[in-house]
Amino acid sequence: MQNMEYQLLDSGNFQKLEQVGPYRLVRPALNAFWLPSLAPAEWQRADGVFTRSSDGGGSWRWHLSPPESWNIILDAMTLLVKPTGFGHLGFFAEQHETWNWLRAIIPTLQNEVSILNLFGYSGVGSLAMAEAGARVTHLDAAAGMTEWGRQILKLNPQVPDNIRWIVDDVRKFVEREVRRQRQYNGIVLDPPTFGRGNKGQVWKIEQHLVPLLEKCSSLLDNNRTHFVVLSCHSPGFSPLVLQRLVEQVFDGGECESGEMIINETSGRQLPAGSYVRWLKTVH
C-alpha cells in the first residue's frame, strides 16, 4: 500500500508480523498455515505480541512500556491506533482496496449521495466516503467505537463533518429506517460472525445476514444508481457465497467478488476475508 505507515512484514505459523507506525507487532492470522519467510530474529524484534485465549479474548505482551494509542498515516488520512483486548488496532488493512473503490464510485453518483454504513467499527470507511462527498449514516452497537470514529474525524480536518454517528442494534435500526421509508444510494456492511447489540441483542451471521440484506433492499433508491458492499471474515462465507447471497436478494446490477488481501513486503499475500461489490446503474 502506498503512503501508508503500515506494512505487513511477514506471515506464517498462524501469525502475522506488522509494522504499525513506530511499533512492530505480532498478531494472530489463523489462516497463515505456511512457514514465515523472514528469519526468527525479525519476529523476535516485535515490540508487542497478542496471544488469543480460548474464550475469544486474549492479552498483549509488550517488550517496552505499552502505548495507549498512537497515530499513523493511511494514504492522506490520519488514524488513531489503539491496541484492544481483542487484538484489534482500530482499522483493518485488508479493507484498503474497498475504501479506494468507494472513493472512486461516490463522485460518479452525482447530486447528494447518502450512504448507510452498518457495523461501521471505528469509522475509517465512513470517513473515506465523507471525504469523497457522501453524507454517511454510521452505525455500530458499541458506543466506544463511535467515539473512536469521532476522534479520528478530529484528526482529519480535510474530511467534511457529514457523518451521522449512531449507536444502535443494526437490525432494529434498519427495521425503523424501512418504516420511515428512508432511501440510500449505497449500503456498506461488514458484519461479524457473532455479536451483541447495545441492549444484548444476539447477532449470528448464518441466521441473520439474509433477512438483514432483504430489509436493506427496501432502503435503496431505485431511481438512481446505487450499490451494496458486503464483506466479512466468517469461515465458510467465501467470495462466491457472498456473491450468491447478494444476487439472490438484489435484482439486476453487476457483481464483483474476491478475497480481501494484505500484500506482504516480500511480495506474498495474506488472505483476510471476502467481499462482494454490487452496483446497479440507473440511466
C-alpha atoms as a PDB file:
ATOM      1  CA  MET A   1       0.000   0.000   0.000  1.00  0.00           C
ATOM      2  CA  GLN A   2       1.302   3.395  -0.980  1.00  0.00           C
ATOM      3  CA  ASN A   3       1.873   6.224   1.506  1.00  0.00           C
ATOM      4  CA  MET A   4       0.865   4.175   4.491  1.00  0.00           C
ATOM      5  CA  GLU A   5       2.701   3.873   7.781  1.00  0.00           C
ATOM      6  CA  TYR A   6       1.671   0.244   7.916  1.00  0.00           C
ATOM      7  CA  GLN A   7       3.423  -2.777   6.462  1.00  0.00           C
ATOM      8  CA  LEU A   8       2.736  -6.475   6.646  1.00  0.00           C
ATOM      9  CA  LEU A   9       6.289  -7.703   7.027  1.00  0.00           C
ATOM     10  CA  ASP A  10       5.638 -11.452   7.136  1.00  0.00           C
ATOM     11  CA  SER A  11       3.124 -14.162   7.995  1.00  0.00           C
ATOM     12  CA  GLY A  12       3.230 -17.831   8.945  1.00  0.00           C
ATOM     13  CA  ASN A  13       2.725 -20.266  11.781  1.00  0.00           C
ATOM     14  CA  PHE A  14      -0.778 -18.769  12.232  1.00  0.00           C
ATOM     15  CA  GLN A  15       0.609 -15.293  12.943  1.00  0.00           C
ATOM     16  CA  LYS A  16       1.387 -12.028  11.137  1.00  0.00           C
ATOM     17  CA  LEU A  17       4.269  -9.627  11.699  1.00  0.00           C
ATOM     18  CA  GLU A  18       3.259  -5.991  11.171  1.00  0.00           C
ATOM     19  CA  GLN A  19       4.952  -2.615  11.288  1.00  0.00           C
ATOM     20  CA  VAL A  20       2.343  -0.144  12.524  1.00  0.00           C
ATOM     21  CA  GLY A  21       3.965   3.256  12.660  1.00  0.00           C
ATOM     22  CA  PRO A  22       6.864   3.056  15.142  1.00  0.00           C
ATOM     23  CA  TYR A  23       5.783  -0.297  16.600  1.00  0.00           C
ATOM     24  CA  ARG A  24       6.404  -3.829  15.345  1.00  0.00           C
ATOM     25  CA  LEU A  25       3.574  -6.169  16.330  1.00  0.00           C
ATOM     26  CA  VAL A  26       2.741  -9.877  16.156  1.00  0.00           C
ATOM     27  CA  ARG A  27      -0.943 -10.775  15.962  1.00  0.00           C
ATOM     28  CA  PRO A  28      -2.891 -13.946  15.103  1.00  0.00           C
ATOM     29  CA  ALA A  29      -3.526 -14.891  11.470  1.00  0.00           C
ATOM     30  CA  LEU A  30      -5.371 -18.174  11.765  1.00  0.00           C
ATOM     31  CA  ASN A  31      -5.256 -18.945   8.032  1.00  0.00           C
ATOM     32  CA  ALA A  32      -1.466 -18.471   7.752  1.00  0.00           C
ATOM     33  CA  PHE A  33      -0.761 -22.209   7.618  1.00  0.00           C
ATOM     34  CA  TRP A  34       2.584 -21.716   5.878  1.00  0.00           C
ATOM     35  CA  LEU A  35       6.052 -21.019   7.240  1.00  0.00           C
ATOM     36  CA  PRO A  36       7.327 -17.450   7.711  1.00  0.00           C
ATOM     37  CA  SER A  37       9.712 -16.079   5.093  1.00  0.00           C
ATOM     38  CA  LEU A  38      11.739 -13.919   7.499  1.00  0.00           C
ATOM     39  CA  ALA A  39      14.257 -15.207   9.999  1.00  0.00           C
ATOM     40  CA  PRO A  40      13.094 -15.797  13.596  1.00  0.00           C
ATOM     41  CA  ALA A  41      15.266 -12.885  14.721  1.00  0.00           C
ATOM     42  CA  GLU A  42      12.996 -10.473  12.782  1.00  0.00           C
ATOM     43  CA  TRP A  43       9.958 -11.759  14.644  1.00  0.00           C
ATOM     44  CA  GLN A  44      11.767 -11.564  17.968  1.00  0.00           C
ATOM     45  CA  ARG A  45      12.240  -7.822  17.432  1.00  0.00           C
ATOM     46  CA  ALA A  46       8.484  -7.287  17.921  1.00  0.00           C
ATOM     47  CA  ASP A  47       7.510  -4.612  20.436  1.00  0.00           C
ATOM     48  CA  GLY A  48       4.160  -6.224  21.227  1.00  0.00           C
ATOM     49  CA  VAL A  49       2.707  -9.713  20.819  1.00  0.00           C
ATOM     50  CA  PHE A  50      -1.002 -10.517  21.086  1.00  0.00           C
ATOM     51  CA  THR A  51      -1.970 -14.052  22.087  1.00  0.00           C
ATOM     52  CA  ARG A  52      -5.544 -15.199  21.728  1.00  0.00           C
ATOM     53  CA  SER A  53      -7.205 -17.069  24.593  1.00  0.00           C
ATOM     54  CA  SER A  54      -9.706 -19.904  24.440  1.00  0.00           C
ATOM     55  CA  ASP A  55     -12.605 -17.613  25.425  1.00  0.00           C
ATOM     56  CA  GLY A  56     -12.210 -15.404  22.334  1.00  0.00           C
ATOM     57  CA  GLY A  57     -10.293 -12.593  24.007  1.00  0.00           C
ATOM     58  CA  GLY A  58      -6.575 -12.522  24.641  1.00  0.00           C
ATOM     59  CA  SER A  59      -3.745 -10.468  26.014  1.00  0.00           C
ATOM     60  CA  TRP A  60      -0.831  -8.317  24.872  1.00  0.00           C
ATOM     61  CA  ARG A  61       2.758  -8.868  25.953  1.00  0.00           C
ATOM     62  CA  TRP A  62       4.930  -5.777  25.483  1.00  0.00           C
ATOM     63  CA  HIS A  63       8.697  -5.556  25.401  1.00  0.00           C
ATOM     64  CA  LEU A  64       8.513  -1.840  26.206  1.00  0.00           C
ATOM     65  CA  SER A  65       6.197   0.457  28.099  1.00  0.00           C
ATOM     66  CA  PRO A  66       2.863  -0.323  26.410  1.00  0.00           C
ATOM     67  CA  PRO A  67       1.485   2.590  24.370  1.00  0.00           C
ATOM     68  CA  GLU A  68      -2.122   3.592  24.974  1.00  0.00           C
ATOM     69  CA  SER A  69      -2.503   4.942  21.426  1.00  0.00           C
ATOM     70  CA  TRP A  70      -0.598   6.471  18.519  1.00  0.00           C
ATOM     71  CA  ASN A  71      -1.269   7.901  15.074  1.00  0.00           C
ATOM     72  CA  ILE A  72      -0.380   6.550  11.647  1.00  0.00           C
ATOM     73  CA  ILE A  73      -0.975   7.809   8.122  1.00  0.00           C
ATOM     74  CA  LEU A  74      -3.106   5.770   5.719  1.00  0.00           C
ATOM     75  CA  ASP A  75      -2.758   7.476   2.338  1.00  0.00           C
ATOM     76  CA  ALA A  76      -3.683  11.046   3.285  1.00  0.00           C
ATOM     77  CA  MET A  77      -5.742  10.099   6.343  1.00  0.00           C
ATOM     78  CA  THR A  78      -4.540  10.115   9.952  1.00  0.00           C
ATOM     79  CA  LEU A  79      -5.710   7.129  12.005  1.00  0.00           C
ATOM     80  CA  LEU A  80      -5.806   6.726  15.761  1.00  0.00           C
ATOM     81  CA  VAL A  81      -4.397   3.293  16.642  1.00  0.00           C
ATOM     82  CA  LYS A  82      -5.261   1.695  19.978  1.00  0.00           C
ATOM     83  CA  PRO A  83      -4.448  -1.960  20.822  1.00  0.00           C
ATOM     84  CA  THR A  84      -7.619  -3.581  22.178  1.00  0.00           C
ATOM     85  CA  GLY A  85      -8.253  -6.589  24.382  1.00  0.00           C
ATOM     86  CA  PHE A  86      -9.366  -8.486  21.269  1.00  0.00           C
ATOM     87  CA  GLY A  87      -6.114  -7.825  19.425  1.00  0.00           C
ATOM     88  CA  HIS A  88      -7.615  -5.199  17.125  1.00  0.00           C
ATOM     89  CA  LEU A  89      -5.976  -1.855  16.337  1.00  0.00           C
ATOM     90  CA  GLY A  90      -8.884   0.237  15.054  1.00  0.00           C
ATOM     91  CA  PHE A  91      -8.511  -0.413  11.336  1.00  0.00           C
ATOM     92  CA  PHE A  92      -8.434  -3.402   9.005  1.00  0.00           C
ATOM     93  CA  ALA A  93      -5.711  -3.076   6.374  1.00  0.00           C
ATOM     94  CA  GLU A  94      -7.484  -5.573   4.102  1.00  0.00           C
ATOM     95  CA  GLN A  95     -10.308  -3.024   3.608  1.00  0.00           C
ATOM     96  CA  HIS A  96      -7.931  -0.592   1.921  1.00  0.00           C
ATOM     97  CA  GLU A  97      -8.993  -1.501  -1.637  1.00  0.00           C
ATOM     98  CA  THR A  98     -12.674  -1.261  -0.718  1.00  0.00           C
ATOM     99  CA  TRP A  99     -12.127   2.231   0.687  1.00  0.00           C
ATOM    100  CA  ASN A 100     -10.488   3.207  -2.596  1.00  0.00           C
ATOM    101  CA  TRP A 101     -13.390   1.687  -4.561  1.00  0.00           C
ATOM    102  CA  LEU A 102     -15.851   3.748  -2.520  1.00  0.00           C
ATOM    103  CA  ARG A 103     -13.781   6.898  -3.037  1.00  0.00           C
ATOM    104  CA  ALA A 104     -13.931   6.293  -6.791  1.00  0.00           C
ATOM    105  CA  ILE A 105     -17.612   5.357  -7.130  1.00  0.00           C
ATOM    106  CA  ILE A 106     -19.246   8.000  -4.917  1.00  0.00           C
ATOM    107  CA  PRO A 107     -18.330  11.036  -7.084  1.00  0.00           C
ATOM    108  CA  THR A 108     -19.887   9.305 -10.122  1.00  0.00           C
ATOM    109  CA  LEU A 109     -23.324   9.089  -8.475  1.00  0.00           C
ATOM    110  CA  GLN A 110     -23.906  12.862  -8.802  1.00  0.00           C
ATOM    111  CA  ASN A 111     -26.263  15.025  -6.744  1.00  0.00           C
ATOM    112  CA  GLU A 112     -26.357  14.414  -2.995  1.00  0.00           C
ATOM    113  CA  VAL A 113     -25.198  10.911  -2.126  1.00  0.00           C
ATOM    114  CA  SER A 114     -26.495   9.233   1.032  1.00  0.00           C
ATOM    115  CA  ILE A 115     -24.726   6.116   2.348  1.00  0.00           C
ATOM    116  CA  LEU A 116     -25.583   3.749   5.209  1.00  0.00           C
ATOM    117  CA  ASN A 117     -22.562   2.109   6.859  1.00  0.00           C
ATOM    118  CA  LEU A 118     -23.613  -0.829   9.067  1.00  0.00           C
ATOM    119  CA  PHE A 119     -21.285  -2.462  11.590  1.00  0.00           C
ATOM    120  CA  GLY A 120     -19.176   0.631  10.960  1.00  0.00           C
ATOM    121  CA  TYR A 121     -16.483  -0.099  13.584  1.00  0.00           C
ATOM    122  CA  SER A 122     -14.124   2.883  14.141  1.00  0.00           C
ATOM    123  CA  GLY A 123     -15.375   4.745  11.096  1.00  0.00           C
ATOM    124  CA  VAL A 124     -12.417   4.722   8.692  1.00  0.00           C
ATOM    125  CA  GLY A 125     -14.715   3.645   5.854  1.00  0.00           C
ATOM    126  CA  SER A 126     -17.237   6.321   6.818  1.00  0.00           C
ATOM    127  CA  LEU A 127     -14.515   8.981   6.730  1.00  0.00           C
ATOM    128  CA  ALA A 128     -13.357   7.791   3.306  1.00  0.00           C
ATOM    129  CA  MET A 129     -16.905   8.084   1.960  1.00  0.00           C
ATOM    130  CA  ALA A 130     -17.468  11.506   3.546  1.00  0.00           C
ATOM    131  CA  GLU A 131     -14.191  12.703   2.041  1.00  0.00           C
ATOM    132  CA  ALA A 132     -15.486  11.534  -1.360  1.00  0.00           C
ATOM    133  CA  GLY A 133     -18.577  13.729  -0.945  1.00  0.00           C
ATOM    134  CA  ALA A 134     -21.194  11.445   0.631  1.00  0.00           C
ATOM    135  CA  ARG A 135     -23.453  12.051   3.588  1.00  0.00           C
ATOM    136  CA  VAL A 136     -22.894   8.989   5.761  1.00  0.00           C
ATOM    137  CA  THR A 137     -25.036   7.357   8.431  1.00  0.00           C
ATOM    138  CA  HIS A 138     -22.528   5.388  10.507  1.00  0.00           C
ATOM    139  CA  LEU A 139     -23.938   2.730  12.801  1.00  0.00           C
ATOM    140  CA  ASP A 140     -22.268   0.500  15.361  1.00  0.00           C
ATOM    141  CA  ALA A 141     -23.627  -1.146  18.501  1.00  0.00           C
ATOM    142  CA  ALA A 142     -20.604  -0.123  20.591  1.00  0.00           C
ATOM    143  CA  ALA A 143     -20.547   3.443  21.902  1.00  0.00           C
ATOM    144  CA  GLY A 144     -16.771   3.201  22.307  1.00  0.00           C
ATOM    145  CA  MET A 145     -16.287   2.524  18.601  1.00  0.00           C
ATOM    146  CA  THR A 146     -18.440   5.518  17.669  1.00  0.00           C
ATOM    147  CA  GLU A 147     -16.392   7.753  19.964  1.00  0.00           C
ATOM    148  CA  TRP A 148     -13.221   6.355  18.377  1.00  0.00           C
ATOM    149  CA  GLY A 149     -14.566   7.381  14.988  1.00  0.00           C
ATOM    150  CA  ARG A 150     -15.287  10.903  16.213  1.00  0.00           C
ATOM    151  CA  GLN A 151     -11.706  11.153  17.464  1.00  0.00           C
ATOM    152  CA  ILE A 152     -10.357  10.068  14.068  1.00  0.00           C
ATOM    153  CA  LEU A 153     -12.562  12.669  12.367  1.00  0.00           C
ATOM    154  CA  LYS A 154     -10.993  15.390  14.531  1.00  0.00           C
ATOM    155  CA  LEU A 155      -7.556  14.304  13.291  1.00  0.00           C
ATOM    156  CA  ASN A 156      -8.627  14.837   9.672  1.00  0.00           C
ATOM    157  CA  PRO A 157      -9.822  18.393   9.022  1.00  0.00           C
ATOM    158  CA  GLN A 158      -9.890  17.667   5.287  1.00  0.00           C
ATOM    159  CA  VAL A 159     -12.880  15.322   5.830  1.00  0.00           C
ATOM    160  CA  PRO A 160     -16.281  17.108   5.867  1.00  0.00           C
ATOM    161  CA  ASP A 161     -18.315  16.550   9.019  1.00  0.00           C
ATOM    162  CA  ASN A 162     -21.057  14.834   7.016  1.00  0.00           C
ATOM    163  CA  ILE A 163     -21.313  11.768   9.246  1.00  0.00           C
ATOM    164  CA  ARG A 164     -24.282  10.944  11.459  1.00  0.00           C
ATOM    165  CA  TRP A 165     -22.904   8.754  14.274  1.00  0.00           C
ATOM    166  CA  ILE A 166     -25.449   6.307  15.702  1.00  0.00           C
ATOM    167  CA  VAL A 167     -25.124   3.716  18.465  1.00  0.00           C
ATOM    168  CA  ASP A 168     -27.807   1.073  17.968  1.00  0.00           C
ATOM    169  CA  ASP A 169     -28.522  -2.538  17.117  1.00  0.00           C
ATOM    170  CA  VAL A 170     -28.174  -2.906  13.344  1.00  0.00           C
ATOM    171  CA  ARG A 171     -31.292  -4.989  12.771  1.00  0.00           C
ATOM    172  CA  LYS A 172     -33.532  -2.761  14.912  1.00  0.00           C
ATOM    173  CA  PHE A 173     -32.226   0.392  13.255  1.00  0.00           C
ATOM    174  CA  VAL A 174     -32.718  -0.958   9.738  1.00  0.00           C
ATOM    175  CA  GLU A 175     -36.281  -2.004  10.576  1.00  0.00           C
ATOM    176  CA  ARG A 176     -37.022   1.538  11.745  1.00  0.00           C
ATOM    177  CA  GLU A 177     -35.461   3.026   8.605  1.00  0.00           C
ATOM    178  CA  VAL A 178     -37.692   0.802   6.474  1.00  0.00           C
ATOM    179  CA  ARG A 179     -40.767   2.056   8.352  1.00  0.00           C
ATOM    180  CA  ARG A 180     -39.544   5.642   7.877  1.00  0.00           C
ATOM    181  CA  GLN A 181     -39.188   4.912   4.136  1.00  0.00           C
ATOM    182  CA  ARG A 182     -35.646   6.229   4.150  1.00  0.00           C
ATOM    183  CA  GLN A 183     -33.668   5.895   0.915  1.00  0.00           C
ATOM    184  CA  TYR A 184     -29.930   5.469   0.414  1.00  0.00           C
ATOM    185  CA  ASN A 185     -27.699   5.429  -2.643  1.00  0.00           C
ATOM    186  CA  GLY A 186     -25.358   2.864  -1.126  1.00  0.00           C
ATOM    187  CA  ILE A 187     -25.163   0.446   1.787  1.00  0.00           C
ATOM    188  CA  VAL A 188     -21.904  -0.876   3.246  1.00  0.00           C
ATOM    189  CA  LEU A 189     -21.883  -3.856   5.628  1.00  0.00           C
ATOM    190  CA  ASP A 190     -19.044  -5.644   7.423  1.00  0.00           C
ATOM    191  CA  PRO A 191     -20.897  -7.986   9.793  1.00  0.00           C
ATOM    192  CA  PRO A 192     -19.177 -10.088  12.450  1.00  0.00           C
ATOM    193  CA  THR A 193     -19.664 -13.817  12.765  1.00  0.00           C
ATOM    194  CA  PHE A 194     -21.256 -13.301  16.168  1.00  0.00           C
ATOM    195  CA  GLY A 195     -22.068 -10.175  18.118  1.00  0.00           C
ATOM    196  CA  ARG A 196     -24.377  -8.446  20.557  1.00  0.00           C
ATOM    197  CA  GLY A 197     -26.345  -5.248  20.129  1.00  0.00           C
ATOM    198  CA  ASN A 198     -26.243  -2.334  22.532  1.00  0.00           C
ATOM    199  CA  LYS A 199     -29.060  -3.939  24.555  1.00  0.00           C
ATOM    200  CA  GLY A 200     -27.788  -7.507  24.373  1.00  0.00           C
ATOM    201  CA  GLN A 201     -29.433  -8.495  21.084  1.00  0.00           C
ATOM    202  CA  VAL A 202     -27.668 -11.507  19.565  1.00  0.00           C
ATOM    203  CA  TRP A 203     -26.296 -11.470  16.011  1.00  0.00           C
ATOM    204  CA  LYS A 204     -25.430 -14.727  14.213  1.00  0.00           C
ATOM    205  CA  ILE A 205     -24.319 -14.236  10.629  1.00  0.00           C
ATOM    206  CA  GLU A 206     -25.614 -17.563   9.335  1.00  0.00           C
ATOM    207  CA  GLN A 207     -29.056 -16.820  10.791  1.00  0.00           C
ATOM    208  CA  HIS A 208     -29.458 -13.069  10.412  1.00  0.00           C
ATOM    209  CA  LEU A 209     -27.472 -11.942   7.350  1.00  0.00           C
ATOM    210  CA  VAL A 210     -30.000 -12.772   4.623  1.00  0.00           C
ATOM    211  CA  PRO A 211     -33.009 -11.221   6.449  1.00  0.00           C
ATOM    212  CA  LEU A 212     -30.905  -8.097   7.020  1.00  0.00           C
ATOM    213  CA  LEU A 213     -29.973  -7.912   3.335  1.00  0.00           C
ATOM    214  CA  GLU A 214     -33.646  -8.280   2.395  1.00  0.00           C
ATOM    215  CA  LYS A 215     -34.567  -5.312   4.586  1.00  0.00           C
ATOM    216  CA  CYS A 216     -31.652  -3.323   3.156  1.00  0.00           C
ATOM    217  CA  SER A 217     -33.035  -3.862  -0.337  1.00  0.00           C
ATOM    218  CA  SER A 218     -36.035  -1.729   0.658  1.00  0.00           C
ATOM    219  CA  LEU A 219     -33.731   1.157   1.624  1.00  0.00           C
ATOM    220  CA  LEU A 220     -32.068   1.612  -1.772  1.00  0.00           C
ATOM    221  CA  ASP A 221     -33.158   4.449  -4.056  1.00  0.00           C
ATOM    222  CA  ASN A 222     -34.154   2.586  -7.210  1.00  0.00           C
ATOM    223  CA  ASN A 223     -34.496   5.835  -9.164  1.00  0.00           C
ATOM    224  CA  ARG A 224     -30.746   6.409  -9.081  1.00  0.00           C
ATOM    225  CA  THR A 225     -27.596   4.331  -9.444  1.00  0.00           C
ATOM    226  CA  HIS A 226     -26.949   2.515  -6.179  1.00  0.00           C
ATOM    227  CA  PHE A 227     -24.605  -0.069  -4.676  1.00  0.00           C
ATOM    228  CA  VAL A 228     -24.038  -2.567  -1.881  1.00  0.00           C
ATOM    229  CA  VAL A 229     -20.640  -3.531  -0.471  1.00  0.00           C
ATOM    230  CA  LEU A 230     -20.641  -6.612   1.762  1.00  0.00           C
ATOM    231  CA  SER A 231     -17.531  -8.006   3.433  1.00  0.00           C
ATOM    232  CA  CYS A 232     -16.866 -10.426   6.258  1.00  0.00           C
ATOM    233  CA  HIS A 233     -14.244 -12.581   7.927  1.00  0.00           C
ATOM    234  CA  SER A 234     -16.507 -15.516   8.782  1.00  0.00           C
ATOM    235  CA  PRO A 235     -15.389 -19.080   7.984  1.00  0.00           C
ATOM    236  CA  GLY A 236     -17.470 -20.580   5.194  1.00  0.00           C
ATOM    237  CA  PHE A 237     -18.534 -17.225   3.735  1.00  0.00           C
ATOM    238  CA  SER A 238     -16.315 -17.334   0.675  1.00  0.00           C
ATOM    239  CA  PRO A 239     -16.467 -14.730  -2.125  1.00  0.00           C
ATOM    240  CA  LEU A 240     -18.759 -16.995  -4.143  1.00  0.00           C
ATOM    241  CA  VAL A 241     -21.087 -17.495  -1.173  1.00  0.00           C
ATOM    242  CA  LEU A 242     -21.358 -13.743  -0.592  1.00  0.00           C
ATOM    243  CA  GLN A 243     -21.962 -13.112  -4.286  1.00  0.00           C
ATOM    244  CA  ARG A 244     -24.735 -15.695  -4.490  1.00  0.00           C
ATOM    245  CA  LEU A 245     -26.458 -14.213  -1.430  1.00  0.00           C
ATOM    246  CA  VAL A 246     -26.297 -10.688  -2.857  1.00  0.00           C
ATOM    247  CA  GLU A 247     -27.531 -11.826  -6.281  1.00  0.00           C
ATOM    248  CA  GLN A 248     -30.377 -13.688  -4.558  1.00  0.00           C
ATOM    249  CA  VAL A 249     -31.569 -10.582  -2.724  1.00  0.00           C
ATOM    250  CA  PHE A 250     -30.820  -7.654  -5.062  1.00  0.00           C
ATOM    251  CA  ASP A 251     -32.284  -7.506  -8.573  1.00  0.00           C
ATOM    252  CA  GLY A 252     -30.124  -6.899 -11.630  1.00  0.00           C
ATOM    253  CA  GLY A 253     -26.909  -4.987 -11.356  1.00  0.00           C
ATOM    254  CA  GLU A 254     -23.361  -6.249 -11.652  1.00  0.00           C
ATOM    255  CA  CYS A 255     -21.332  -8.102  -9.017  1.00  0.00           C
ATOM    256  CA  GLU A 256     -17.651  -8.498  -8.399  1.00  0.00           C
ATOM    257  CA  SER A 257     -16.332 -10.602  -5.556  1.00  0.00           C
ATOM    258  CA  GLY A 258     -12.996 -11.741  -4.227  1.00  0.00           C
ATOM    259  CA  GLU A 259     -10.727 -12.224  -1.280  1.00  0.00           C
ATOM    260  CA  MET A 260      -9.611  -9.262   0.751  1.00  0.00           C
ATOM    261  CA  ILE A 261      -5.838  -9.449   0.903  1.00  0.00           C
ATOM    262  CA  ILE A 262      -2.893  -7.691   2.502  1.00  0.00           C
ATOM    263  CA  ASN A 263       0.314  -7.548   0.499  1.00  0.00           C
ATOM    264  CA  GLU A 264       3.472  -8.512   2.342  1.00  0.00           C
ATOM    265  CA  THR A 265       6.682  -6.609   1.738  1.00  0.00           C
ATOM    266  CA  SER A 266       8.107  -9.878   0.352  1.00  0.00           C
ATOM    267  CA  GLY A 267       5.526  -9.911  -2.430  1.00  0.00           C
ATOM    268  CA  ARG A 268       3.440 -12.662  -0.876  1.00  0.00           C
ATOM    269  CA  GLN A 269      -0.200 -12.070   0.042  1.00  0.00           C
ATOM    270  CA  LEU A 270      -2.225 -12.814   3.166  1.00  0.00           C
ATOM    271  CA  PRO A 271      -5.940 -13.536   2.565  1.00  0.00           C
ATOM    272  CA  ALA A 272      -8.091 -11.792   5.167  1.00  0.00           C
ATOM    273  CA  GLY A 273     -11.778 -12.281   4.409  1.00  0.00           C
ATOM    274  CA  SER A 274     -14.177 -11.992   1.493  1.00  0.00           C
ATOM    275  CA  TYR A 275     -16.055  -9.189  -0.230  1.00  0.00           C
ATOM    276  CA  VAL A 276     -18.726  -8.614  -2.847  1.00  0.00           C
ATOM    277  CA  ARG A 277     -19.463  -5.275  -4.510  1.00  0.00           C
ATOM    278  CA  TRP A 278     -22.813  -4.911  -6.252  1.00  0.00           C
ATOM    279  CA  LEU A 279     -23.610  -1.920  -8.470  1.00  0.00           C
ATOM    280  CA  LYS A 280     -26.852  -1.189 -10.300  1.00  0.00           C
ATOM    281  CA  THR A 281     -26.652   1.601 -12.841  1.00  0.00           C
ATOM    282  CA  VAL A 282     -29.815   3.605 -13.499  1.00  0.00           C
ATOM    283  CA  HIS A 283     -29.775   5.894 -16.536  1.00  0.00           C
END
